[in-house]
Protein backbone atom coordinates (compact mmCIF):
# COMPACT_ATOMS: atom_id res chain seq x y z
CA UNK A 1 5.47 -2.48 29.87
CA UNK A 2 7.09 0.91 29.39
CA UNK A 3 5.26 4.17 28.66
CA UNK A 4 6.89 7.18 27.02
CA UNK A 5 5.24 10.51 26.29
CA UNK A 6 5.51 12.26 22.96
CA UNK A 7 4.67 15.82 21.91
CA UNK A 8 3.63 15.58 18.29
CA UNK A 9 4.34 19.28 17.82
CA UNK A 10 8.01 18.89 18.69
CA UNK A 11 10.92 16.75 17.52
CA UNK A 12 10.22 13.16 18.57
CA UNK A 13 12.99 11.32 16.73
CA UNK A 14 14.09 9.77 20.04
CA UNK A 15 10.62 8.24 20.49
CA UNK A 16 10.70 6.85 16.95
CA UNK A 17 14.12 5.32 17.61
CA UNK A 18 12.95 3.63 20.80
CA UNK A 19 9.83 2.27 19.10
CA UNK A 20 11.86 0.92 16.18
CA UNK A 21 14.28 -0.72 18.59
CA UNK A 22 11.39 -2.56 20.28
CA UNK A 23 9.93 -3.61 16.92
CA UNK A 24 13.30 -4.82 15.65
CA UNK A 25 13.48 -7.25 18.56
CA UNK A 26 10.02 -8.64 17.79
CA UNK A 27 8.27 -6.51 20.39
CA UNK A 28 4.89 -4.80 20.39
CA UNK A 29 3.98 -1.14 20.70
CA UNK A 30 0.90 1.01 21.24
CA UNK A 31 1.10 3.99 18.90
CA UNK A 32 -1.10 6.96 17.88
CA UNK A 33 -2.76 7.11 14.45
CA UNK A 34 -5.23 9.34 12.60
CA UNK A 35 -8.10 7.20 13.96
CA UNK A 36 -7.34 5.48 17.28
CA UNK A 37 -4.32 4.11 19.11
CA UNK A 38 -3.02 1.03 17.32
CA UNK A 39 -1.39 -2.12 18.67
CA UNK A 40 1.61 -2.68 16.45
CA UNK A 41 4.13 -5.37 15.62
CA UNK A 42 6.10 -6.33 12.53
CA UNK A 43 3.57 -7.90 10.17
CA UNK A 44 6.25 -10.14 8.65
CA UNK A 45 7.34 -11.52 12.04
CA UNK A 46 4.98 -14.39 12.91
CA UNK A 47 6.09 -14.57 16.55
CA UNK A 48 5.46 -10.84 16.98
CA UNK A 49 2.03 -11.12 15.33
CA UNK A 50 1.13 -13.94 17.74
CA UNK A 51 1.94 -11.60 20.62
CA UNK A 52 -0.58 -9.09 19.30
CA UNK A 53 -3.29 -11.75 19.27
CA UNK A 54 -2.43 -12.74 22.84
CA UNK A 55 -2.30 -9.18 24.14
CA UNK A 56 -5.71 -8.42 22.63
CA UNK A 57 -7.07 -11.81 23.69
CA UNK A 58 -8.21 -12.06 20.09
CA UNK A 59 -9.19 -15.28 18.37
CA UNK A 60 -6.65 -16.47 15.80
CA UNK A 61 -9.63 -16.97 13.48
CA UNK A 62 -10.04 -13.18 13.18
CA UNK A 63 -7.56 -11.53 10.80
CA UNK A 64 -5.57 -8.42 11.65
CA UNK A 65 -5.22 -5.39 9.35
CA UNK A 66 -1.97 -3.59 8.66
CA UNK A 67 -0.70 -0.11 7.93
CA UNK A 68 1.93 0.67 5.30
CA UNK A 69 3.78 3.78 4.24
CA UNK A 70 2.95 4.11 0.55
CA UNK A 71 1.64 2.46 -2.62
CA UNK A 72 4.99 0.81 -3.36
CA UNK A 73 4.69 -1.12 -0.10
CA UNK A 74 1.13 -2.15 -0.98
CA UNK A 75 2.28 -3.68 -4.26
CA UNK A 76 4.97 -5.66 -2.45
CA UNK A 77 2.42 -7.15 -0.05
CA UNK A 78 -0.74 -7.57 -2.13
CA UNK A 79 -2.04 -8.14 -5.65
CA UNK A 80 -2.88 -4.75 -7.13
CA UNK A 81 -4.69 -4.49 -10.46
CA UNK A 82 -4.96 -1.28 -12.51
CA UNK A 83 -8.63 -0.87 -11.56
CA UNK A 84 -7.64 -0.99 -7.89
CA UNK A 85 -5.14 1.81 -8.27
CA UNK A 86 -7.78 4.37 -9.21
CA UNK A 87 -9.65 3.69 -5.99
CA UNK A 88 -6.49 3.52 -3.88
CA UNK A 89 -5.36 6.93 -5.14
CA UNK A 90 -8.78 8.31 -4.23
CA UNK A 91 -8.87 7.09 -0.65
CA UNK A 92 -5.21 7.11 0.48
CA UNK A 93 -3.71 8.42 2.58
CA UNK A 94 -6.71 8.41 4.86
CA UNK A 95 -9.17 6.55 7.02
CA UNK A 96 -9.98 3.75 4.57
CA UNK A 97 -8.84 0.14 4.85
CA UNK A 98 -8.69 -1.70 1.52
CA UNK A 99 -8.95 -5.49 1.32
CA UNK A 100 -6.80 -7.08 -1.39
CA UNK A 101 -5.51 -10.56 -2.21
CA UNK A 102 -2.28 -11.00 -0.27
CA UNK A 103 1.08 -12.16 -1.57
CA UNK A 104 3.03 -15.06 -0.10
CA UNK A 105 5.24 -12.70 1.89
CA UNK A 106 2.31 -11.95 4.23
CA UNK A 107 2.13 -14.70 6.90
CA UNK A 108 -1.08 -16.68 7.17
CA UNK A 109 -1.36 -16.06 10.90
CA UNK A 110 -2.05 -12.36 10.23
CA UNK A 111 -4.94 -13.12 7.90
CA UNK A 112 -6.34 -16.12 9.80
CA UNK A 113 -5.22 -18.16 6.75
CA UNK A 114 -7.53 -16.20 4.43
CA UNK A 115 -6.00 -15.24 1.08
CA UNK A 116 -6.82 -11.55 1.52
CA UNK A 117 -5.52 -8.79 3.79
CA UNK A 118 -6.72 -5.38 4.98
CA UNK A 119 -4.26 -2.55 4.27
CA UNK A 120 -4.30 1.16 5.04
CA UNK A 121 -2.05 4.17 4.47
CA UNK A 122 -2.75 6.57 7.36
CA UNK A 123 -2.83 10.32 6.85
CA UNK A 124 -0.61 10.92 9.87
CA UNK A 125 2.91 12.29 10.12
CA UNK A 126 3.87 10.17 13.15
CA UNK A 127 3.04 6.83 11.50
CA UNK A 128 4.73 7.93 8.28
CA UNK A 129 7.95 8.64 10.16
CA UNK A 130 7.64 5.46 12.22
CA UNK A 131 7.13 3.27 9.16
CA UNK A 132 9.86 5.09 7.28
CA UNK A 133 12.38 4.47 10.04
CA UNK A 134 11.29 0.87 10.73
CA UNK A 135 10.94 -0.21 7.11
CA UNK A 136 8.24 -2.86 7.62
CA UNK A 137 4.42 -2.81 7.80
CA UNK A 138 2.75 -2.82 11.20
CA UNK A 139 -0.37 -4.48 12.56
CA UNK A 140 -2.95 -1.74 13.03
CA UNK A 141 -5.62 -3.28 15.20
CA UNK A 142 -7.05 -1.01 17.90
CA UNK A 143 -5.25 -1.02 21.24
CA UNK A 144 -7.85 -2.71 23.40
CA UNK A 145 -9.06 -6.12 24.54
CA UNK A 146 -11.19 -7.90 21.93
CA UNK A 147 -14.88 -7.36 22.52
CA UNK A 148 -14.33 -4.12 24.40
CA UNK A 149 -14.98 -0.67 22.98
CA UNK A 150 -11.84 0.93 21.52
CA UNK A 151 -10.81 4.26 23.02
CA UNK A 152 -8.77 7.32 22.05
CA UNK A 153 -7.90 7.90 25.73
CA UNK A 154 -4.35 6.72 26.39
CA UNK A 155 -4.94 6.74 30.14
CA UNK A 156 -7.65 4.10 29.75
CA UNK A 157 -5.41 2.07 27.46
CA UNK A 158 -2.59 2.07 30.02
CA UNK A 159 -5.07 1.03 32.71
CA UNK A 160 -6.47 -1.80 30.59
CA UNK A 161 -3.11 -3.32 29.70
CA UNK A 162 -1.62 -2.84 33.17
CA UNK A 163 -4.16 -5.41 34.37
CA UNK A 164 -3.49 -7.85 31.52
CA UNK A 165 -1.34 -10.96 31.70
CA UNK A 166 0.14 -10.23 28.27
CA UNK A 167 1.25 -6.62 27.85
CA UNK A 168 2.65 -4.51 25.02
CA UNK A 169 6.36 -3.77 25.42
CA UNK A 170 6.04 -0.04 24.78
CA UNK A 171 3.17 2.46 24.96
CA UNK A 172 3.63 5.78 23.16
CA UNK A 173 1.54 8.36 24.99
CA UNK A 174 0.47 11.18 22.67
CA UNK A 175 -2.36 12.20 24.97
CA UNK A 176 -6.06 11.88 24.24
CA UNK A 177 -6.47 11.72 20.47
CA UNK A 178 -9.21 13.68 18.67
CA UNK A 179 -12.45 11.75 18.37
CA UNK A 180 -12.56 9.73 15.17
CA UNK A 181 -14.69 7.06 13.57
CA UNK A 182 -12.99 3.72 12.77
CA UNK A 183 -11.66 3.46 9.25
CA UNK A 184 -14.00 2.63 6.40
CA UNK A 185 -13.39 -0.85 4.97
CA UNK A 186 -13.73 -1.60 1.27
CA UNK A 187 -13.19 -5.04 -0.27
CA UNK A 188 -11.53 -5.04 -3.70
CA UNK A 189 -11.18 -8.79 -4.10
CA UNK A 190 -14.38 -9.07 -6.15
CA UNK A 191 -15.39 -7.71 -9.54
CA UNK A 192 -16.73 -4.53 -7.94
CA UNK A 193 -15.82 -2.70 -4.73
CA UNK A 194 -17.80 -3.89 -1.72
CA UNK A 195 -18.09 -1.63 1.30
CA UNK A 196 -17.82 -3.71 4.48
CA UNK A 197 -17.86 -0.79 6.93
CA UNK A 198 -18.57 2.88 6.34
CA UNK A 199 -17.75 5.80 8.57
CA UNK A 200 -21.06 7.57 9.31
CA UNK A 201 -19.32 10.95 9.00
CA UNK A 202 -18.10 10.29 5.46
CA UNK A 203 -21.10 9.25 3.30
CA UNK A 204 -19.65 11.20 0.35
CA UNK A 205 -16.66 8.87 0.39
CA UNK A 206 -18.99 5.89 -0.06
CA UNK A 207 -20.65 7.55 -3.05
CA UNK A 208 -17.24 8.15 -4.62
CA UNK A 209 -16.27 4.52 -4.19
CA UNK A 210 -19.53 3.19 -5.58
CA UNK A 211 -19.19 5.51 -8.56
CA UNK A 212 -15.68 4.22 -9.21
CA UNK A 213 -16.84 0.65 -8.86
CA UNK A 214 -19.51 1.10 -11.48
CA UNK A 215 -17.08 2.21 -14.16
């Protein structure tokens, strides 16, 4: 397990290159996002996805969400209907995970063999550059052990995984991230949007979604 520090206010192209190199070889990384630190691997690499489950000590019956770079990527990975696009444009980029029916390209191990998948486009320059350089979606589950409280403190994350049997290959240390609620989750697989988790700090976002769903 290697840890490298990054200053998000300076040029960090070398950090991006190292992370992409790890991901290209089927490795796993801990990376900063606009919510919490994520535990990432190539979504389309089943062996890499299995590593994420093992590192988190997460049951294979619990699906993992993913992050993507833009709407074009979403349409390559999931079934997007015109009514979905209105909502997606409203909430992305941002702290909202949208559940859609997945396409065959998404491996069943990621979704616990369900036919739907959680997708998010973060509002974060680092992840945009990382995804742009790597070219594939990443798992975006929080960097912690399943059942434990997620944290924005990279020092605690390093401590947690240093004691684990299975460890991420690379930890990108961007310091202690600003406090943030987990992403809101909205399910678009039904006739109307269904909010599965709402951020307490963004009730207006829920009202917007419910208004869209009623049209």
